C-alpha cells in the first residue's frame, strides 16, 4: 500500500473505533435499559442518571473497548476495500489505454506495410525488367543493389508482421528513440531468399 492509502485506511479505522466506543456502545446500553421502561419513566431524571452511570462503569468501558475494536476492524476493512477498488479501476483504465494504443499501432503497421509493399513491388518489378535490358556490368551491379534493398525491405515488413519477441537497440540518430533489432531475423529471411 502507498503511504497515502495507508493513511486513509487508518483514518477509516480510527473513525470506526470512535463510532464503536462513543456511538454504538452507548446506544446498546440505552436500548438495553430503555426496552423495559414505560413512557412515564422517560421524563424521570433518575433513569437518565442511571443510564449515564451505567455507560461509565468498568463493564461498560470494557464493552465500549470491544465495540471500538470491532469498529476499528470494520473501518480498516472498509478502507482497504475502497483502496483496492480504486487501484483496480486505475489499472483497468491503464489497460484500456494500452490496448487502444496497441490497436492503433497495429492499424498503422498494416497500413504502412500495405503502401510500402505496393511501392516495393513496383521497384522490384521494374528492376527485374530493367535487368534484362542492361548490358553495362556497372549498371547491372547497381541494379542488383536496388533489388537486394527491395528484398530487405520485404524481409523487414515480414519480420515486423510476425514479431513475437521484441528486442530493441539504441538508435544512434536520437538518444531517446529505441529501434527494434531485426538483424538476426533479417539474416534468416534473406539467407533463405539467396539460396
Protein backbone atom coordinates (compact mmCIF):
# COMPACT_ATOMS: atom_id res chain seq x y z
CA UNK A 1 0.00 0.00 0.00
CA UNK A 2 1.16 3.52 -0.72
CA UNK A 3 1.60 5.88 2.28
CA UNK A 4 -1.50 7.89 1.34
CA UNK A 5 -3.54 4.70 1.00
CA UNK A 6 -2.37 3.50 4.43
CA UNK A 7 -3.14 6.89 5.97
CA UNK A 8 -6.63 6.85 4.51
CA UNK A 9 -7.26 3.31 5.75
CA UNK A 10 -6.02 4.33 9.23
CA UNK A 11 -8.50 7.23 9.23
CA UNK A 12 -11.30 4.78 8.46
CA UNK A 13 -10.08 2.56 11.33
CA UNK A 14 -9.96 5.48 13.74
CA UNK A 15 -13.42 6.64 12.70
CA UNK A 16 -14.75 3.10 13.16
CA UNK A 17 -13.17 2.83 16.63
CA UNK A 18 -14.58 6.18 17.74
CA UNK A 19 -18.01 5.32 16.37
CA UNK A 20 -17.90 1.96 18.18
CA UNK A 21 -16.91 3.48 21.51
CA UNK A 22 -18.90 6.72 21.52
CA UNK A 23 -21.92 5.78 19.41
CA UNK A 24 -22.65 2.05 19.30
CA UNK A 25 -21.77 1.13 22.89
CA UNK A 26 -23.92 3.90 24.47
CA UNK A 27 -26.69 3.08 22.02
CA UNK A 28 -26.64 -0.58 23.09
CA UNK A 29 -26.72 0.43 26.76
CA UNK A 30 -29.58 2.82 26.05
CA UNK A 31 -31.63 0.28 24.12
CA UNK A 32 -30.95 -2.44 26.69
CA UNK A 33 -32.15 -0.27 29.56
CA UNK A 34 -34.98 1.56 27.82
CA UNK A 35 -36.64 -1.53 26.44
CA UNK A 36 -38.46 -2.40 29.68
CA UNK A 37 -39.17 1.29 30.54
CA UNK A 38 -42.63 2.79 30.22
CA UNK A 39 -43.49 6.16 28.70
CA UNK A 40 -43.76 7.72 32.13
CA UNK A 41 -40.18 6.81 33.01
CA UNK A 42 -38.70 8.75 30.06
CA UNK A 43 -39.31 12.02 31.88
CA UNK A 44 -37.69 10.74 35.07
CA UNK A 45 -34.24 12.27 35.69
CA UNK A 46 -33.25 9.26 37.80
CA UNK A 47 -33.49 6.98 34.75
CA UNK A 48 -31.12 9.18 32.75
CA UNK A 49 -28.66 9.42 35.67
CA UNK A 50 -28.70 5.66 35.97
CA UNK A 51 -28.02 5.31 32.20
CA UNK A 52 -25.09 7.73 32.47
CA UNK A 53 -23.66 5.79 35.41
CA UNK A 54 -24.09 2.51 33.52
CA UNK A 55 -22.25 3.93 30.50
CA UNK A 56 -19.20 4.76 32.62
CA UNK A 57 -18.87 1.60 34.72
CA UNK A 58 -15.89 -0.71 34.17
CA UNK A 59 -18.17 -3.26 32.47
CA UNK A 60 -19.45 -0.62 30.06
CA UNK A 61 -15.92 0.62 29.37
CA UNK A 62 -14.86 -2.94 28.57
CA UNK A 63 -17.89 -3.31 26.29
CA UNK A 64 -17.02 0.05 24.72
CA UNK A 65 -13.47 -1.17 24.07
CA UNK A 66 -14.84 -4.26 22.35
CA UNK A 67 -17.14 -2.10 20.21
CA UNK A 68 -14.17 0.20 19.45
CA UNK A 69 -12.05 -2.77 18.32
CA UNK A 70 -14.88 -4.10 16.19
CA UNK A 71 -15.50 -0.64 14.71
CA UNK A 72 -11.77 -0.20 14.03
CA UNK A 73 -11.54 -3.57 12.29
CA UNK A 74 -14.63 -2.74 10.24
CA UNK A 75 -13.16 0.66 9.31
CA UNK A 76 -9.85 -0.94 8.32
CA UNK A 77 -11.64 -3.47 6.14
CA UNK A 78 -13.81 -0.79 4.52
CA UNK A 79 -10.82 1.50 3.89
CA UNK A 80 -8.78 -1.36 2.41
CA UNK A 81 -11.69 -2.35 0.20
CA UNK A 82 -12.06 1.23 -1.09
CA UNK A 83 -8.33 1.49 -1.85
CA UNK A 84 -8.34 -1.87 -3.63
CA UNK A 85 -11.37 -0.84 -5.69
CA UNK A 86 -9.76 2.45 -6.71
CA UNK A 87 -6.49 0.70 -7.62
CA UNK A 88 -8.35 -1.83 -9.78
CA UNK A 89 -10.23 0.96 -11.55
CA UNK A 90 -6.94 2.76 -12.29
CA UNK A 91 -5.36 -0.47 -13.58
CA UNK A 92 -8.36 -1.15 -15.82
CA UNK A 93 -8.17 2.37 -17.23
CA UNK A 94 -4.43 1.99 -17.91
CA UNK A 95 -5.02 -1.40 -19.51
CA UNK A 96 -7.73 0.06 -21.77
CA UNK A 97 -5.38 2.89 -22.78
CA UNK A 98 -2.60 0.45 -23.63
CA UNK A 99 -4.97 -1.77 -25.58
CA UNK A 100 -6.19 1.23 -27.60
CA UNK A 101 -2.57 2.24 -28.28
CA UNK A 102 -1.73 -1.30 -29.42
CA UNK A 103 -4.76 -1.41 -31.71
CA UNK A 104 -3.77 1.94 -33.22
CA UNK A 105 -0.20 0.70 -33.68
CA UNK A 106 -1.48 -2.47 -35.34
CA UNK A 107 -3.65 -0.48 -37.77
CA UNK A 108 -0.70 1.81 -38.51
CA UNK A 109 1.55 -1.20 -39.15
CA UNK A 110 -0.93 -2.81 -41.54
CA UNK A 111 -1.42 0.46 -43.43
CA UNK A 112 2.31 1.17 -43.71
CA UNK A 113 3.05 -2.41 -44.74
CA UNK A 114 0.43 -2.19 -47.49
CA UNK A 115 1.80 1.01 -49.02
CA UNK A 116 5.45 0.05 -48.62
CA UNK A 117 4.82 -3.34 -50.23
CA UNK A 118 3.00 -1.70 -53.16
CA UNK A 119 5.94 0.64 -53.76
CA UNK A 120 8.40 -2.20 -53.26
CA UNK A 121 6.59 -4.35 -55.86
CA UNK A 122 6.98 -1.55 -58.39
CA UNK A 123 10.69 -1.19 -57.57
CA UNK A 124 11.30 -4.95 -57.75
CA UNK A 125 9.20 -5.40 -60.89
CA UNK A 126 10.81 -2.58 -62.84
CA UNK A 127 14.22 -3.62 -61.50
CA UNK A 128 13.73 -7.10 -62.95
CA UNK A 129 12.62 -5.72 -66.31
CA UNK A 130 15.47 -3.23 -66.37
CA UNK A 131 17.98 -6.01 -65.63
CA UNK A 132 17.04 -7.80 -68.83
CA UNK A 133 17.88 -4.73 -70.91
CA UNK A 134 21.13 -3.63 -69.28
CA UNK A 135 24.43 -4.59 -70.85
CA UNK A 136 26.77 -2.45 -68.74
CA UNK A 137 28.17 -4.53 -65.80
CA UNK A 138 28.40 -1.44 -63.52
CA UNK A 139 24.74 -0.65 -64.13
CA UNK A 140 23.80 -4.30 -63.52
CA UNK A 141 25.72 -4.22 -60.22
CA UNK A 142 23.86 -1.07 -59.13
CA UNK A 143 20.59 -2.68 -60.14
CA UNK A 144 21.49 -5.78 -58.11
CA UNK A 145 21.93 -3.49 -55.06
CA UNK A 146 18.50 -1.96 -55.69
CA UNK A 147 16.87 -5.40 -55.98
CA UNK A 148 18.70 -6.58 -52.82
CA UNK A 149 17.48 -3.49 -50.93
CA UNK A 150 13.96 -4.25 -52.15
CA UNK A 151 14.24 -7.79 -50.74
CA UNK A 152 15.50 -6.37 -47.43
CA UNK A 153 12.50 -4.06 -47.24
CA UNK A 154 10.17 -7.02 -47.84
CA UNK A 155 12.02 -9.05 -45.18
CA UNK A 156 11.73 -6.20 -42.66
CA UNK A 157 7.98 -5.96 -43.24
CA UNK A 158 7.56 -9.74 -42.93
CA UNK A 159 9.64 -9.78 -39.74
CA UNK A 160 7.66 -6.94 -38.19
CA UNK A 161 4.35 -8.62 -39.03
CA UNK A 162 5.42 -11.90 -37.44
CA UNK A 163 7.24 -10.41 -34.49
CA UNK A 164 6.59 -12.21 -31.21
CA UNK A 165 9.54 -11.12 -29.10
CA UNK A 166 10.69 -7.51 -29.19
CA UNK A 167 14.40 -6.88 -28.88
CA UNK A 168 15.44 -3.24 -29.02
CA UNK A 169 18.67 -1.40 -29.67
CA UNK A 170 19.63 2.26 -29.24
CA UNK A 171 19.04 4.36 -32.35
CA UNK A 172 22.16 6.46 -32.97
CA UNK A 173 20.44 9.49 -34.52
CA UNK A 174 18.25 10.06 -31.46
CA UNK A 175 19.37 9.00 -27.99
CA UNK A 176 15.84 8.62 -26.63
CA UNK A 177 14.41 6.57 -29.51
CA UNK A 178 14.53 2.77 -29.45
CA UNK A 179 14.79 0.64 -32.57
CA UNK A 180 13.53 -2.92 -32.94
CA UNK A 181 16.56 -5.15 -33.51
CA UNK A 182 15.73 -7.36 -36.52
CA UNK A 183 19.27 -8.23 -37.59
CA UNK A 184 19.09 -11.97 -36.82
CA UNK A 185 15.58 -12.32 -38.28
CA UNK A 186 16.58 -10.48 -41.46
CA UNK A 187 19.67 -12.64 -41.90
CA UNK A 188 17.49 -15.75 -41.67
CA UNK A 189 14.95 -14.44 -44.16
CA UNK A 190 17.47 -13.00 -46.60
CA UNK A 191 19.74 -16.03 -46.31
CA UNK A 192 16.81 -18.24 -47.34
CA UNK A 193 16.00 -15.93 -50.26
CA UNK A 194 19.55 -16.09 -51.65
CA UNK A 195 19.66 -19.89 -51.70
